[in-house]
Amino acid sequence: MAYIITFALALVIAVVCTPLTMKLAQKWGAIAYPGGRHVHKKPIPRLGGLALYAGFWLAAALTQKWDLSFWGLFLGSTLIMVVGVCDDIWEIRPLVKLFWQIVSAALLFGFNFSMDFISLPIIGQINFTGFWLSTIGFALMLFWIVGLVNTVNISDGLDGLAAGICFMAALLLFWSANRISSPAAHLTLALAGSLLGFLLFNFPPAKVFMGDSGSMFLGYIIGGLSIYGLLKTATILGVVFPLLVMGMPVTDLTFAIIRRKLRGQSVATADRGHLHHRLLDAGLTQRQAVLSMYGISACFGISAVLGAKGQWIMALAILILVFALLVIILMRRTAMLAVFGRRHSK
């Protein structure tokens, strides 16, 4: 019953707050205009992240007793959300955003969020004890959270895409956290509830975008909760489970980095080479593309659950199939352009 209350509170708060953030976005000038690599056809307010933040933390405040770690997660996520709001209004330079992402992640170190140990399948538990190894654990924590912040950020390219993927991720993380009686279980449900409430306004055709205030907040919370509830236990897949849950945007981000490096571009350079752009270029509508990517994310989630249950052969088979599909989609347009270029160079 307590789980249902947490989920319902977050959902209702997000539903109430989302229209308010749309009015704030109009007042503050946080509007996403069509054109360039953007696929929407009319100006859309982009401060929906404030509703996600309110739904998550108000539900947590009303249902949970906060310990030191909760306060760390609250302060760090508040900082990164504020940075996101500033970016939604004034468009901050990528390096400035990266700096504040690192600061927000580093803040957690003072609230018992260091990776003292992680657990991996087959290898087992890896301890980071002692000064030098604890430094490695701190660096891994920074890399983990900043990486997930940018992973979610890069997936926020279509109406309802990032919110839907993170909703599935939150439910899967709840399943995992509840399985090991982690205190993070309630927070994952608060996250899922706020995302579902926001999706009522964000599913295509979207009335509001989450903006960087939302995508960076979501990546930060998912990264922080996975450390708080999953990475420090030897009874679950540890690092592997959260990575599989976010497998599709992680793959998209990896390909984006490789693609930009091969072109001699900065990894922060925006382009139209992401998975959702490839699906749209193949002729899918926004809704069809979003639903297709939901399906791919669900396959990653199923493989994570199967792996957690020890059914590695089935999990690996699903991963190979879905990863092969992603590679085909991500490489398809590049190959066509290469052929087109050779024809016109003769």
C-alpha atoms as a PDB file:
ATOM      1  CA  MET A   1       0.000   0.000   0.000  1.00  0.00           C
ATOM      2  CA  ALA A   2       2.863   2.396   0.815  1.00  0.00           C
ATOM      3  CA  TYR A   3       4.310   1.832  -2.657  1.00  0.00           C
ATOM      4  CA  ILE A   4       0.973   2.715  -4.285  1.00  0.00           C
ATOM      5  CA  ILE A   5       0.718   5.930  -2.254  1.00  0.00           C
ATOM      6  CA  THR A   6       4.230   7.014  -3.273  1.00  0.00           C
ATOM      7  CA  PHE A   7       3.529   6.325  -6.952  1.00  0.00           C
ATOM      8  CA  ALA A   8       0.100   8.006  -6.918  1.00  0.00           C
ATOM      9  CA  LEU A   9       1.335  11.111  -5.099  1.00  0.00           C
ATOM     10  CA  ALA A  10       4.152  11.646  -7.573  1.00  0.00           C
ATOM     11  CA  LEU A  11       1.781  11.141 -10.509  1.00  0.00           C
ATOM     12  CA  VAL A  12      -0.840  13.608  -9.228  1.00  0.00           C
ATOM     13  CA  ILE A  13       1.760  16.258  -8.348  1.00  0.00           C
ATOM     14  CA  ALA A  14       3.343  15.978 -11.811  1.00  0.00           C
ATOM     15  CA  VAL A  15      -0.087  16.258 -13.497  1.00  0.00           C
ATOM     16  CA  VAL A  16      -0.892  19.392 -11.481  1.00  0.00           C
ATOM     17  CA  CYS A  17       2.533  21.002 -11.922  1.00  0.00           C
ATOM     18  CA  THR A  18       3.102  20.380 -15.638  1.00  0.00           C
ATOM     19  CA  PRO A  19       0.582  23.013 -16.861  1.00  0.00           C
ATOM     20  CA  LEU A  20       2.154  25.472 -14.401  1.00  0.00           C
ATOM     21  CA  THR A  21       5.602  24.860 -15.886  1.00  0.00           C
ATOM     22  CA  MET A  22       4.163  25.529 -19.353  1.00  0.00           C
ATOM     23  CA  LYS A  23       3.023  28.967 -18.182  1.00  0.00           C
ATOM     24  CA  LEU A  24       6.404  29.614 -16.555  1.00  0.00           C
ATOM     25  CA  ALA A  25       8.182  28.649 -19.764  1.00  0.00           C
ATOM     26  CA  GLN A  26       6.089  31.172 -21.705  1.00  0.00           C
ATOM     27  CA  LYS A  27       6.853  33.858 -19.137  1.00  0.00           C
ATOM     28  CA  TRP A  28      10.610  33.134 -18.949  1.00  0.00           C
ATOM     29  CA  GLY A  29      11.117  32.543 -22.658  1.00  0.00           C
ATOM     30  CA  ALA A  30      12.053  28.864 -22.341  1.00  0.00           C
ATOM     31  CA  ILE A  31      10.594  27.891 -25.706  1.00  0.00           C
ATOM     32  CA  ALA A  32      11.845  25.279 -28.193  1.00  0.00           C
ATOM     33  CA  TYR A  33      11.391  26.630 -31.720  1.00  0.00           C
ATOM     34  CA  PRO A  34      11.211  24.370 -34.796  1.00  0.00           C
ATOM     35  CA  GLY A  35      14.025  24.199 -37.312  1.00  0.00           C
ATOM     36  CA  GLY A  36      17.504  22.714 -37.630  1.00  0.00           C
ATOM     37  CA  ARG A  37      17.758  19.231 -36.159  1.00  0.00           C
ATOM     38  CA  HIS A  38      14.475  19.712 -34.251  1.00  0.00           C
ATOM     39  CA  VAL A  39      11.521  17.766 -35.636  1.00  0.00           C
ATOM     40  CA  HIS A  40       8.568  19.560 -34.006  1.00  0.00           C
ATOM     41  CA  LYS A  41       6.501  21.930 -36.158  1.00  0.00           C
ATOM     42  CA  LYS A  42       5.525  24.670 -33.697  1.00  0.00           C
ATOM     43  CA  PRO A  43       7.024  26.412 -30.633  1.00  0.00           C
ATOM     44  CA  ILE A  44       6.823  24.215 -27.505  1.00  0.00           C
ATOM     45  CA  PRO A  45       7.486  25.250 -23.874  1.00  0.00           C
ATOM     46  CA  ARG A  46      10.445  23.318 -22.442  1.00  0.00           C
ATOM     47  CA  LEU A  47      10.445  23.611 -18.666  1.00  0.00           C
ATOM     48  CA  GLY A  48       8.641  20.342 -17.957  1.00  0.00           C
ATOM     49  CA  GLY A  49      11.617  19.201 -15.913  1.00  0.00           C
ATOM     50  CA  LEU A  50      10.339  21.358 -13.065  1.00  0.00           C
ATOM     51  CA  ALA A  51       7.194  19.208 -12.883  1.00  0.00           C
ATOM     52  CA  LEU A  52       9.303  16.023 -12.801  1.00  0.00           C
ATOM     53  CA  TYR A  53      11.420  17.519 -10.023  1.00  0.00           C
ATOM     54  CA  ALA A  54       8.347  18.596  -8.013  1.00  0.00           C
ATOM     55  CA  GLY A  55       6.546  15.276  -8.420  1.00  0.00           C
ATOM     56  CA  PHE A  56       9.579  13.255  -7.405  1.00  0.00           C
ATOM     57  CA  TRP A  57      10.764  15.234  -4.405  1.00  0.00           C
ATOM     58  CA  LEU A  58       7.367  16.210  -2.968  1.00  0.00           C
ATOM     59  CA  ALA A  59       6.307  12.554  -3.051  1.00  0.00           C
ATOM     60  CA  ALA A  60       9.604  11.593  -1.396  1.00  0.00           C
ATOM     61  CA  ALA A  61       9.189  14.294   1.263  1.00  0.00           C
ATOM     62  CA  LEU A  62       5.632  13.215   2.089  1.00  0.00           C
ATOM     63  CA  THR A  63       6.277   9.472   2.268  1.00  0.00           C
ATOM     64  CA  GLN A  64       9.893   8.897   3.308  1.00  0.00           C
ATOM     65  CA  LYS A  65      12.179   9.536   6.260  1.00  0.00           C
ATOM     66  CA  TRP A  66      15.296  11.130   4.831  1.00  0.00           C
ATOM     67  CA  ASP A  67      18.756   9.968   5.720  1.00  0.00           C
ATOM     68  CA  LEU A  68      22.086  11.584   4.801  1.00  0.00           C
ATOM     69  CA  SER A  69      22.115  10.008   1.359  1.00  0.00           C
ATOM     70  CA  PHE A  70      18.634  11.332   0.556  1.00  0.00           C
ATOM     71  CA  TRP A  71      19.797  14.860   1.379  1.00  0.00           C
ATOM     72  CA  GLY A  72      22.826  14.468  -0.876  1.00  0.00           C
ATOM     73  CA  LEU A  73      20.663  13.293  -3.751  1.00  0.00           C
ATOM     74  CA  PHE A  74      18.252  16.187  -3.139  1.00  0.00           C
ATOM     75  CA  LEU A  75      20.965  18.871  -3.105  1.00  0.00           C
ATOM     76  CA  GLY A  76      22.816  17.472  -6.115  1.00  0.00           C
ATOM     77  CA  SER A  77      19.674  16.996  -8.211  1.00  0.00           C
ATOM     78  CA  THR A  78      18.490  20.502  -7.277  1.00  0.00           C
ATOM     79  CA  LEU A  79      21.778  21.987  -8.448  1.00  0.00           C
ATOM     80  CA  ILE A  80      21.736  20.157 -11.769  1.00  0.00           C
ATOM     81  CA  MET A  81      18.053  20.993 -12.296  1.00  0.00           C
ATOM     82  CA  VAL A  82      18.786  24.706 -11.786  1.00  0.00           C
ATOM     83  CA  VAL A  83      21.630  24.471 -14.319  1.00  0.00           C
ATOM     84  CA  GLY A  84      19.188  22.817 -16.715  1.00  0.00           C
ATOM     85  CA  VAL A  85      16.622  25.601 -16.232  1.00  0.00           C
ATOM     86  CA  CYS A  86      19.305  28.186 -17.008  1.00  0.00           C
ATOM     87  CA  ASP A  87      20.210  26.253 -20.149  1.00  0.00           C
ATOM     88  CA  ASP A  88      16.567  26.023 -21.223  1.00  0.00           C
ATOM     89  CA  ILE A  89      16.256  29.805 -20.941  1.00  0.00           C
ATOM     90  CA  TRP A  90      19.696  31.112 -21.979  1.00  0.00           C
ATOM     91  CA  GLU A  91      21.444  28.099 -23.620  1.00  0.00           C
ATOM     92  CA  ILE A  92      24.625  27.479 -21.654  1.00  0.00           C
ATOM     93  CA  ARG A  93      27.791  26.352 -23.461  1.00  0.00           C
ATOM     94  CA  PRO A  94      28.418  22.578 -23.381  1.00  0.00           C
ATOM     95  CA  LEU A  95      31.653  22.831 -21.363  1.00  0.00           C
ATOM     96  CA  VAL A  96      29.938  24.987 -18.730  1.00  0.00           C
ATOM     97  CA  LYS A  97      27.168  22.399 -18.428  1.00  0.00           C
ATOM     98  CA  LEU A  98      29.745  19.619 -18.146  1.00  0.00           C
ATOM     99  CA  PHE A  99      31.507  21.509 -15.351  1.00  0.00           C
ATOM    100  CA  TRP A 100      28.288  21.772 -13.322  1.00  0.00           C
ATOM    101  CA  GLN A 101      27.432  18.153 -14.023  1.00  0.00           C
ATOM    102  CA  ILE A 102      30.770  17.132 -12.512  1.00  0.00           C
ATOM    103  CA  VAL A 103      30.254  19.452  -9.523  1.00  0.00           C
ATOM    104  CA  SER A 104      26.773  18.012  -8.906  1.00  0.00           C
ATOM    105  CA  ALA A 105      28.100  14.447  -9.098  1.00  0.00           C
ATOM    106  CA  ALA A 106      31.089  15.225  -6.857  1.00  0.00           C
ATOM    107  CA  LEU A 107      28.739  16.683  -4.235  1.00  0.00           C
ATOM    108  CA  LEU A 108      27.396  13.185  -3.573  1.00  0.00           C
ATOM    109  CA  PHE A 109      30.784  12.037  -2.274  1.00  0.00           C
ATOM    110  CA  GLY A 110      30.140  13.883   0.995  1.00  0.00           C
ATOM    111  CA  PHE A 111      26.855  11.996   1.448  1.00  0.00           C
ATOM    112  CA  ASN A 112      28.042   8.364   1.403  1.00  0.00           C
ATOM    113  CA  PHE A 113      27.671   7.888  -2.349  1.00  0.00           C
ATOM    114  CA  SER A 114      31.182   6.715  -3.158  1.00  0.00           C
ATOM    115  CA  MET A 115      31.477   3.336  -4.903  1.00  0.00           C
ATOM    116  CA  ASP A 116      33.086   1.388  -2.049  1.00  0.00           C
ATOM    117  CA  PHE A 117      32.507  -1.785  -4.026  1.00  0.00           C
ATOM    118  CA  ILE A 118      30.572  -3.006  -7.024  1.00  0.00           C
ATOM    119  CA  SER A 119      29.391  -6.471  -7.958  1.00  0.00           C
ATOM    120  CA  LEU A 120      29.678  -7.999 -11.408  1.00  0.00           C
ATOM    121  CA  PRO A 121      28.439 -11.328 -12.731  1.00  0.00           C
ATOM    122  CA  ILE A 122      31.101 -14.066 -12.971  1.00  0.00           C
ATOM    123  CA  ILE A 123      33.839 -11.716 -11.663  1.00  0.00           C
ATOM    124  CA  GLY A 124      32.084 -11.169  -8.344  1.00  0.00           C
ATOM    125  CA  GLN A 125      32.618  -8.287  -5.925  1.00  0.00           C
ATOM    126  CA  ILE A 126      35.293  -5.648  -6.558  1.00  0.00           C
ATOM    127  CA  ASN A 127      36.321  -3.640  -3.489  1.00  0.00           C
ATOM    128  CA  PHE A 128      37.663  -0.088  -3.532  1.00  0.00           C
ATOM    129  CA  THR A 129      39.212   0.157  -0.069  1.00  0.00           C
ATOM    130  CA  GLY A 130      42.256   2.164   0.864  1.00  0.00           C
ATOM    131  CA  PHE A 131      43.176   5.673  -0.282  1.00  0.00           C
ATOM    132  CA  TRP A 132      44.097   5.006  -3.902  1.00  0.00           C
ATOM    133  CA  LEU A 133      41.312   2.544  -4.536  1.00  0.00           C
ATOM    134  CA  SER A 134      38.776   4.876  -2.934  1.00  0.00           C
ATOM    135  CA  THR A 135      39.979   7.538  -5.368  1.00  0.00           C
ATOM    136  CA  ILE A 136      39.196   5.128  -8.182  1.00  0.00           C
ATOM    137  CA  GLY A 137      35.752   4.578  -6.673  1.00  0.00           C
ATOM    138  CA  PHE A 138      35.178   8.340  -6.571  1.00  0.00           C
ATOM    139  CA  ALA A 139      36.254   8.714 -10.209  1.00  0.00           C
ATOM    140  CA  LEU A 140      33.949   5.872 -11.238  1.00  0.00           C
ATOM    141  CA  MET A 141      31.057   7.546  -9.438  1.00  0.00           C
ATOM    142  CA  LEU A 142      31.684  10.793 -11.330  1.00  0.00           C
ATOM    143  CA  PHE A 143      31.945   8.968 -14.648  1.00  0.00           C
ATOM    144  CA  TRP A 144      28.807   6.941 -13.920  1.00  0.00           C
ATOM    145  CA  ILE A 145      26.544   9.858 -12.995  1.00  0.00           C
ATOM    146  CA  VAL A 146      27.839  12.328 -15.595  1.00  0.00           C
ATOM    147  CA  GLY A 147      27.598   9.577 -18.206  1.00  0.00           C
ATOM    148  CA  LEU A 148      23.957   8.836 -17.361  1.00  0.00           C
ATOM    149  CA  VAL A 149      23.109  12.550 -17.277  1.00  0.00           C
ATOM    150  CA  ASN A 150      24.328  12.896 -20.859  1.00  0.00           C
ATOM    151  CA  THR A 151      22.832   9.564 -21.904  1.00  0.00           C
ATOM    152  CA  VAL A 152      19.326  10.689 -20.958  1.00  0.00           C
ATOM    153  CA  ASN A 153      19.976  14.154 -22.369  1.00  0.00           C
ATOM    154  CA  ILE A 154      20.940  12.764 -25.765  1.00  0.00           C
ATOM    155  CA  SER A 155      17.833  10.535 -25.880  1.00  0.00           C
ATOM    156  CA  ASP A 156      15.493  13.515 -25.464  1.00  0.00           C
ATOM    157  CA  GLY A 157      14.953  14.027 -29.185  1.00  0.00           C
ATOM    158  CA  LEU A 158      11.327  13.061 -29.823  1.00  0.00           C
ATOM    159  CA  ASP A 159       8.033  13.699 -28.046  1.00  0.00           C
ATOM    160  CA  GLY A 160       7.738  11.321 -25.095  1.00  0.00           C
ATOM    161  CA  LEU A 161      10.950   9.442 -25.881  1.00  0.00           C
ATOM    162  CA  ALA A 162      13.203  10.207 -22.908  1.00  0.00           C
ATOM    163  CA  ALA A 163      10.268  10.235 -20.465  1.00  0.00           C
ATOM    164  CA  GLY A 164       9.007   6.853 -21.698  1.00  0.00           C
ATOM    165  CA  ILE A 165      12.428   5.214 -21.613  1.00  0.00           C
ATOM    166  CA  CYS A 166      13.101   6.556 -18.122  1.00  0.00           C
ATOM    167  CA  PHE A 167       9.647   5.409 -16.978  1.00  0.00           C
ATOM    168  CA  MET A 168      10.482   1.838 -18.010  1.00  0.00           C
ATOM    169  CA  ALA A 169      13.905   2.180 -16.411  1.00  0.00           C
ATOM    170  CA  ALA A 170      12.342   3.400 -13.149  1.00  0.00           C
ATOM    171  CA  LEU A 171       9.954   0.426 -13.024  1.00  0.00           C
ATOM    172  CA  LEU A 172      12.796  -2.029 -13.685  1.00  0.00           C
ATOM    173  CA  LEU A 173      14.981  -0.374 -11.066  1.00  0.00           C
ATOM    174  CA  PHE A 174      12.054  -0.628  -8.642  1.00  0.00           C
ATOM    175  CA  TRP A 175      11.802  -4.357  -9.367  1.00  0.00           C
ATOM    176  CA  SER A 176      15.491  -4.759  -8.686  1.00  0.00           C
ATOM    177  CA  ALA A 177      15.564  -2.524  -5.592  1.00  0.00           C
ATOM    178  CA  ASN A 178      12.482  -4.187  -4.094  1.00  0.00           C
ATOM    179  CA  ARG A 179      14.027  -7.605  -4.742  1.00  0.00           C
ATOM    180  CA  ILE A 180      16.944  -6.749  -2.453  1.00  0.00           C
ATOM    181  CA  SER A 181      14.854  -4.690   0.034  1.00  0.00           C
ATOM    182  CA  SER A 182      16.667  -1.495  -0.890  1.00  0.00           C
ATOM    183  CA  PRO A 183      15.502   1.863   0.536  1.00  0.00           C
ATOM    184  CA  ALA A 184      15.758   3.168  -3.032  1.00  0.00           C
ATOM    185  CA  ALA A 185      12.596   1.227  -3.979  1.00  0.00           C
ATOM    186  CA  HIS A 186      10.227   4.015  -2.901  1.00  0.00           C
ATOM    187  CA  LEU A 187      12.249   6.620  -4.771  1.00  0.00           C
ATOM    188  CA  THR A 188      12.193   4.628  -8.001  1.00  0.00           C
ATOM    189  CA  LEU A 189       8.387   4.520  -7.757  1.00  0.00           C
ATOM    190  CA  ALA A 190       8.265   8.263  -7.077  1.00  0.00           C
ATOM    191  CA  LEU A 191      10.308   8.711 -10.235  1.00  0.00           C
ATOM    192  CA  ALA A 192       8.004   6.412 -12.232  1.00  0.00           C
ATOM    193  CA  GLY A 193       4.884   8.224 -10.995  1.00  0.00           C
ATOM    194  CA  SER A 194       6.189  11.684 -11.859  1.00  0.00           C
ATOM    195  CA  LEU A 195       7.231  10.462 -15.322  1.00  0.00           C
ATOM    196  CA  LEU A 196       3.824   8.939 -16.043  1.00  0.00           C
ATOM    197  CA  GLY A 197       2.098  12.164 -15.006  1.00  0.00           C
ATOM    198  CA  PHE A 198       4.405  14.177 -17.246  1.00  0.00           C
ATOM    199  CA  LEU A 199       3.914  11.776 -20.162  1.00  0.00           C
ATOM    200  CA  LEU A 200       0.227  12.692 -20.264  1.00  0.00           C
ATOM    201  CA  PHE A 201       1.388  16.046 -21.660  1.00  0.00           C
ATOM    202  CA  ASN A 202       4.591  14.927 -23.393  1.00  0.00           C
ATOM    203  CA  PHE A 203       3.499  11.908 -25.442  1.00  0.00           C
ATOM    204  CA  PRO A 204       3.282  12.780 -29.157  1.00  0.00           C
ATOM    205  CA  PRO A 205       2.013  15.243 -30.121  1.00  0.00           C
ATOM    206  CA  ALA A 206       3.694  16.904 -27.121  1.00  0.00           C
ATOM    207  CA  LYS A 207       2.317  19.994 -25.423  1.00  0.00           C
ATOM    208  CA  VAL A 208       5.493  20.460 -23.370  1.00  0.00           C
ATOM    209  CA  PHE A 209       9.128  19.312 -23.411  1.00  0.00           C
ATOM    210  CA  MET A 210      11.132  18.380 -20.334  1.00  0.00           C
ATOM    211  CA  GLY A 211      14.128  20.426 -21.523  1.00  0.00           C
ATOM    212  CA  ASP A 212      17.615  20.045 -20.121  1.00  0.00           C
ATOM    213  CA  SER A 213      16.167  20.739 -16.678  1.00  0.00           C
ATOM    214  CA  GLY A 214      14.303  17.443 -16.995  1.00  0.00           C
ATOM    215  CA  SER A 215      16.743  15.261 -18.930  1.00  0.00           C
ATOM    216  CA  MET A 216      19.730  16.129 -16.719  1.00  0.00           C
ATOM    217  CA  PHE A 217      17.623  15.716 -13.573  1.00  0.00           C
ATOM    218  CA  LEU A 218      16.449  12.273 -14.713  1.00  0.00           C
ATOM    219  CA  GLY A 219      19.948  11.085 -15.597  1.00  0.00           C
ATOM    220  CA  TYR A 220      21.245  12.327 -12.257  1.00  0.00           C
ATOM    221  CA  ILE A 221      18.483  10.644 -10.250  1.00  0.00           C
ATOM    222  CA  ILE A 222      18.792   7.336 -12.116  1.00  0.00           C
ATOM    223  CA  GLY A 223      22.571   7.401 -11.653  1.00  0.00           C
ATOM    224  CA  GLY A 224      22.309   8.311  -7.978  1.00  0.00           C
ATOM    225  CA  LEU A 225      19.617   5.738  -7.207  1.00  0.00           C
ATOM    226  CA  SER A 226      21.532   2.967  -8.960  1.00  0.00           C
ATOM    227  CA  ILE A 227      24.547   3.689  -6.750  1.00  0.00           C
ATOM    228  CA  TYR A 228      22.387   4.017  -3.640  1.00  0.00           C
ATOM    229  CA  GLY A 229      20.350   0.898  -4.248  1.00  0.00           C
ATOM    230  CA  LEU A 230      22.084  -1.390  -6.717  1.00  0.00           C
ATOM    231  CA  LEU A 231      25.800  -0.920  -7.241  1.00  0.00           C
ATOM    232  CA  LYS A 232      26.703  -1.607  -3.626  1.00  0.00           C
ATOM    233  CA  THR A 233      25.055  -4.991  -3.355  1.00  0.00           C
ATOM    234  CA  ALA A 234      26.555  -8.347  -4.233  1.00  0.00           C
ATOM    235  CA  THR A 235      23.130  -9.980  -4.614  1.00  0.00           C
ATOM    236  CA  ILE A 236      22.242  -8.334  -7.930  1.00  0.00           C
ATOM    237  CA  LEU A 237      23.982  -7.547 -11.201  1.00  0.00           C
ATOM    238  CA  GLY A 238      25.357  -4.302  -9.850  1.00  0.00           C
ATOM    239  CA  VAL A 239      26.777  -2.186 -12.657  1.00  0.00           C
ATOM    240  CA  VAL A 240      25.404  -4.444 -15.399  1.00  0.00           C
ATOM    241  CA  PHE A 241      21.721  -4.127 -14.463  1.00  0.00           C
ATOM    242  CA  PRO A 242      21.431  -0.310 -14.726  1.00  0.00           C
ATOM    243  CA  LEU A 243      23.499  -0.363 -17.919  1.00  0.00           C
ATOM    244  CA  LEU A 244      21.161  -2.905 -19.524  1.00  0.00           C
ATOM    245  CA  VAL A 245      18.092  -0.977 -18.385  1.00  0.00           C
ATOM    246  CA  MET A 246      19.450   2.134 -20.170  1.00  0.00           C
ATOM    247  CA  GLY A 247      20.964   0.051 -22.973  1.00  0.00           C
ATOM    248  CA  MET A 248      19.380   1.823 -25.935  1.00  0.00           C
ATOM    249  CA  PRO A 249      20.361   5.432 -25.093  1.00  0.00           C
ATOM    250  CA  VAL A 250      23.814   4.212 -23.964  1.00  0.00           C
ATOM    251  CA  THR A 251      24.306   2.574 -27.376  1.00  0.00           C
ATOM    252  CA  ASP A 252      23.061   5.710 -29.155  1.00  0.00           C
ATOM    253  CA  LEU A 253      25.456   7.887 -27.127  1.00  0.00           C
ATOM    254  CA  THR A 254      28.385   5.568 -27.836  1.00  0.00           C
ATOM    255  CA  PHE A 255      27.727   5.659 -31.583  1.00  0.00           C
ATOM    256  CA  ALA A 256      27.348   9.459 -31.455  1.00  0.00           C
ATOM    257  CA  ILE A 257      30.770   9.838 -29.810  1.00  0.00           C
ATOM    258  CA  ILE A 258      32.413   7.496 -32.338  1.00  0.00           C
ATOM    259  CA  ARG A 259      30.657   9.169 -35.275  1.00  0.00           C
ATOM    260  CA  ARG A 260      31.703  12.668 -34.252  1.00  0.00           C
ATOM    261  CA  LYS A 261      35.279  11.630 -33.523  1.00  0.00           C
ATOM    262  CA  LEU A 262      35.595  10.005 -36.959  1.00  0.00           C
ATOM    263  CA  ARG A 263      34.356  13.238 -38.525  1.00  0.00           C
ATOM    264  CA  GLY A 264      36.814  15.293 -36.494  1.00  0.00           C
ATOM    265  CA  GLN A 265      34.012  17.023 -34.607  1.00  0.00           C
ATOM    266  CA  SER A 266      33.639  17.785 -30.927  1.00  0.00           C
ATOM    267  CA  VAL A 267      31.647  15.123 -29.068  1.00  0.00           C
ATOM    268  CA  ALA A 268      29.376  17.967 -27.886  1.00  0.00           C
ATOM    269  CA  THR A 269      28.441  18.877 -31.466  1.00  0.00           C
ATOM    270  CA  ALA A 270      24.744  18.268 -32.152  1.00  0.00           C
ATOM    271  CA  ASP A 271      23.823  16.374 -35.320  1.00  0.00           C
ATOM    272  CA  ARG A 272      21.007  14.417 -36.973  1.00  0.00           C
ATOM    273  CA  GLY A 273      22.634  11.032 -36.701  1.00  0.00           C
ATOM    274  CA  HIS A 274      20.857   9.724 -33.615  1.00  0.00           C
ATOM    275  CA  LEU A 275      18.669   6.657 -33.608  1.00  0.00           C
ATOM    276  CA  HIS A 276      15.422   8.624 -33.637  1.00  0.00           C
ATOM    277  CA  HIS A 277      16.625  10.694 -36.602  1.00  0.00           C
ATOM    278  CA  ARG A 278      17.435   7.493 -38.529  1.00  0.00           C
ATOM    279  CA  LEU A 279      13.950   6.109 -37.882  1.00  0.00           C
ATOM    280  CA  LEU A 280      12.309   9.342 -39.014  1.00  0.00           C
ATOM    281  CA  ASP A 281      14.479   9.400 -42.133  1.00  0.00           C
ATOM    282  CA  ALA A 282      13.329   5.837 -42.841  1.00  0.00           C
ATOM    283  CA  GLY A 283       9.759   7.141 -43.109  1.00  0.00           C
ATOM    284  CA  LEU A 284       8.345   6.502 -39.634  1.00  0.00           C
ATOM    285  CA  THR A 285       6.119   9.074 -37.970  1.00  0.00           C
ATOM    286  CA  GLN A 286       7.158  10.522 -34.603  1.00  0.00           C
ATOM    287  CA  ARG A 287       4.716   8.277 -32.768  1.00  0.00           C
ATOM    288  CA  GLN A 288       5.859   5.175 -34.687  1.00  0.00           C
ATOM    289  CA  ALA A 289       9.507   5.999 -34.005  1.00  0.00           C
ATOM    290  CA  VAL A 290       8.846   6.547 -30.298  1.00  0.00           C
ATOM    291  CA  LEU A 291       6.881   3.307 -29.954  1.00  0.00           C
ATOM    292  CA  SER A 292       9.623   1.418 -31.832  1.00  0.00           C
ATOM    293  CA  MET A 293      12.235   2.757 -29.438  1.00  0.00           C
ATOM    294  CA  TYR A 294      10.024   1.865 -26.478  1.00  0.00           C
ATOM    295  CA  GLY A 295      10.031  -1.696 -27.808  1.00  0.00           C
ATOM    296  CA  ILE A 296      13.812  -1.740 -28.129  1.00  0.00           C
ATOM    297  CA  SER A 297      14.176  -0.405 -24.578  1.00  0.00           C
ATOM    298  CA  ALA A 298      11.753  -3.043 -23.330  1.00  0.00           C
ATOM    299  CA  CYS A 299      13.945  -5.746 -24.901  1.00  0.00           C
ATOM    300  CA  PHE A 300      16.967  -4.394 -23.022  1.00  0.00           C
ATOM    301  CA  GLY A 301      14.903  -4.389 -19.828  1.00  0.00           C
ATOM    302  CA  ILE A 302      13.762  -7.985 -20.352  1.00  0.00           C
ATOM    303  CA  SER A 303      17.359  -9.083 -20.854  1.00  0.00           C
ATOM    304  CA  ALA A 304      18.317  -7.320 -17.607  1.00  0.00           C
ATOM    305  CA  VAL A 305      15.587  -9.155 -15.685  1.00  0.00           C
ATOM    306  CA  LEU A 306      16.533 -12.499 -17.245  1.00  0.00           C
ATOM    307  CA  GLY A 307      20.174 -11.892 -16.345  1.00  0.00           C
ATOM    308  CA  ALA A 308      19.216 -11.013 -12.763  1.00  0.00           C
ATOM    309  CA  LYS A 309      17.375 -14.340 -12.568  1.00  0.00           C
ATOM    310  CA  GLY A 310      20.416 -16.219 -13.850  1.00  0.00           C
ATOM    311  CA  GLN A 311      18.994 -16.990 -17.303  1.00  0.00           C
ATOM    312  CA  TRP A 312      22.090 -15.773 -19.102  1.00  0.00           C
ATOM    313  CA  ILE A 313      21.628 -17.628 -22.383  1.00  0.00           C
ATOM    314  CA  MET A 314      18.207 -16.093 -23.021  1.00  0.00           C
ATOM    315  CA  ALA A 315      19.412 -12.676 -21.878  1.00  0.00           C
ATOM    316  CA  LEU A 316      22.444 -12.833 -24.170  1.00  0.00           C
ATOM    317  CA  ALA A 317      20.354 -14.002 -27.138  1.00  0.00           C
ATOM    318  CA  ILE A 318      17.975 -11.028 -26.757  1.00  0.00           C
ATOM    319  CA  LEU A 319      20.906  -8.624 -26.354  1.00  0.00           C
ATOM    320  CA  ILE A 320      22.638  -9.872 -29.506  1.00  0.00           C
ATOM    321  CA  LEU A 321      19.449  -9.553 -31.555  1.00  0.00           C
ATOM    322  CA  VAL A 322      18.514  -6.089 -30.319  1.00  0.00           C
ATOM    323  CA  PHE A 323      22.081  -4.789 -30.545  1.00  0.00           C
ATOM    324  CA  ALA A 324      22.346  -6.093 -34.128  1.00  0.00           C
ATOM    325  CA  LEU A 325      19.110  -4.239 -34.934  1.00  0.00           C
ATOM    326  CA  LEU A 326      20.492  -1.021 -33.432  1.00  0.00           C
ATOM    327  CA  VAL A 327      23.726  -1.296 -35.413  1.00  0.00           C
ATOM    328  CA  ILE A 328      21.786  -1.831 -38.657  1.00  0.00           C
ATOM    329  CA  ILE A 329      19.608   1.243 -37.998  1.00  0.00           C
ATOM    330  CA  LEU A 330      22.481   3.455 -36.869  1.00  0.00           C
ATOM    331  CA  MET A 331      24.750   2.503 -39.777  1.00  0.00           C
ATOM    332  CA  ARG A 332      22.110   2.455 -42.526  1.00  0.00           C
ATOM    333  CA  ARG A 333      21.979   6.150 -43.413  1.00  0.00           C
ATOM    334  CA  THR A 334      25.754   6.535 -43.163  1.00  0.00           C
ATOM    335  CA  ALA A 335      26.248   3.742 -45.689  1.00  0.00           C
ATOM    336  CA  MET A 336      23.662   5.238 -48.066  1.00  0.00           C
ATOM    337  CA  LEU A 337      25.330   8.638 -47.901  1.00  0.00           C
ATOM    338  CA  ALA A 338      28.708   7.071 -48.621  1.00  0.00           C
ATOM    339  CA  VAL A 339      27.346   5.387 -51.775  1.00  0.00           C
ATOM    340  CA  PHE A 340      25.617   8.608 -52.821  1.00  0.00           C
ATOM    341  CA  GLY A 341      28.847  10.541 -52.362  1.00  0.00           C
ATOM    342  CA  ARG A 342      30.858   8.096 -54.471  1.00  0.00           C
ATOM    343  CA  ARG A 343      28.324   8.307 -57.313  1.00  0.00           C
ATOM    344  CA  HIS A 344      28.458  12.093 -57.464  1.00  0.00           C
ATOM    345  CA  SER A 345      32.238  12.267 -57.211  1.00  0.00           C
ATOM    346  CA  LYS A 346      32.695  10.511 -60.561  1.00  0.00           C
END
